[in-house]
């Protein structure tokens, strides 16, 4: 006797991306948030603590004037120049 419930076929990453392209922006953002959160929950505590210390160190360098922050749009422009776009 065959099961009444068919096992769903797994989608490929490309199929998921293609499907999500037709979604409203807020739903895509929600999906990204969920995926990002699930990735962060898998980080080992030692790695999480190392990143926490690194971010504190970087903020302290900026606040003390030891380093100067570069605006994101300037970084993006430079990356596009390097990539030839």
Protein backbone atom coordinates (compact mmCIF):
# COMPACT_ATOMS: atom_id res chain seq x y z
CA UNK A 1 0.00 0.00 0.00
CA UNK A 2 1.37 3.38 -1.03
CA UNK A 3 1.40 6.29 1.41
CA UNK A 4 -1.24 8.96 0.90
CA UNK A 5 1.36 11.59 1.66
CA UNK A 6 3.98 12.05 -1.02
CA UNK A 7 7.42 13.00 0.17
CA UNK A 8 8.19 16.52 -1.07
CA UNK A 9 11.00 16.84 -3.58
CA UNK A 10 13.98 18.82 -2.30
CA UNK A 11 14.60 22.12 -4.07
CA UNK A 12 18.06 23.13 -5.19
CA UNK A 13 19.58 26.40 -4.00
CA UNK A 14 19.10 27.83 -7.49
CA UNK A 15 15.42 26.87 -7.42
CA UNK A 16 14.97 28.49 -4.01
CA UNK A 17 16.66 31.70 -5.20
CA UNK A 18 14.53 31.76 -8.35
CA UNK A 19 11.38 31.25 -6.28
CA UNK A 20 12.36 34.00 -3.83
CA UNK A 21 12.94 36.50 -6.67
CA UNK A 22 9.18 36.66 -7.12
CA UNK A 23 8.52 37.38 -3.44
CA UNK A 24 7.90 40.84 -1.97
CA UNK A 25 11.05 42.44 -0.53
CA UNK A 26 9.85 42.16 3.06
CA UNK A 27 9.42 38.39 2.72
CA UNK A 28 12.89 38.02 1.20
CA UNK A 29 14.32 40.08 4.06
CA UNK A 30 12.52 37.86 6.57
CA UNK A 31 13.96 34.74 4.92
CA UNK A 32 17.47 36.21 5.02
CA UNK A 33 16.99 37.14 8.70
CA UNK A 34 15.90 33.59 9.55
CA UNK A 35 18.82 32.02 7.67
CA UNK A 36 21.32 34.44 9.19
CA UNK A 37 20.00 33.80 12.68
CA UNK A 38 20.23 30.04 12.21
CA UNK A 39 23.85 30.40 11.05
CA UNK A 40 24.76 32.52 14.05
CA UNK A 41 23.22 30.01 16.42
CA UNK A 42 25.69 27.39 15.14
CA UNK A 43 28.78 29.44 15.95
CA UNK A 44 30.96 27.92 18.64
CA UNK A 45 31.08 29.97 21.85
CA UNK A 46 34.86 30.50 21.53
CA UNK A 47 34.42 31.95 18.04
CA UNK A 48 31.56 34.16 19.19
CA UNK A 49 33.68 35.49 22.06
CA UNK A 50 36.64 36.13 19.75
CA UNK A 51 34.41 38.18 17.41
CA UNK A 52 32.96 40.07 20.38
CA UNK A 53 36.46 41.01 21.56
CA UNK A 54 37.53 41.95 18.02
CA UNK A 55 34.53 44.21 17.53
CA UNK A 56 35.16 45.92 20.87
CA UNK A 57 38.81 46.45 19.90
CA UNK A 58 37.81 47.98 16.57
CA UNK A 59 35.22 50.29 18.13
CA UNK A 60 37.81 51.42 20.70
CA UNK A 61 40.30 52.20 17.89
CA UNK A 62 37.70 54.32 16.10
CA UNK A 63 36.57 56.11 19.25
CA UNK A 64 40.15 56.90 20.26
CA UNK A 65 40.97 58.31 16.82
CA UNK A 66 43.64 55.67 16.27
CA UNK A 67 41.92 54.67 13.02
CA UNK A 68 39.45 56.45 10.75
CA UNK A 69 36.33 54.67 9.56
CA UNK A 70 35.72 54.56 5.82
CA UNK A 71 32.11 55.10 4.66
CA UNK A 72 30.54 51.99 3.13
CA UNK A 73 29.78 53.67 -0.18
CA UNK A 74 33.46 54.58 -0.57
CA UNK A 75 34.46 50.99 0.07
CA UNK A 76 31.88 49.74 -2.44
CA UNK A 77 33.10 52.23 -5.05
CA UNK A 78 36.71 51.09 -4.54
CA UNK A 79 35.73 47.41 -4.83
CA UNK A 80 33.90 48.15 -8.10
CA UNK A 81 37.00 49.94 -9.42
CA UNK A 82 39.22 47.01 -8.53
CA UNK A 83 36.76 44.53 -10.04
CA UNK A 84 36.49 46.65 -13.17
CA UNK A 85 32.77 47.33 -12.90
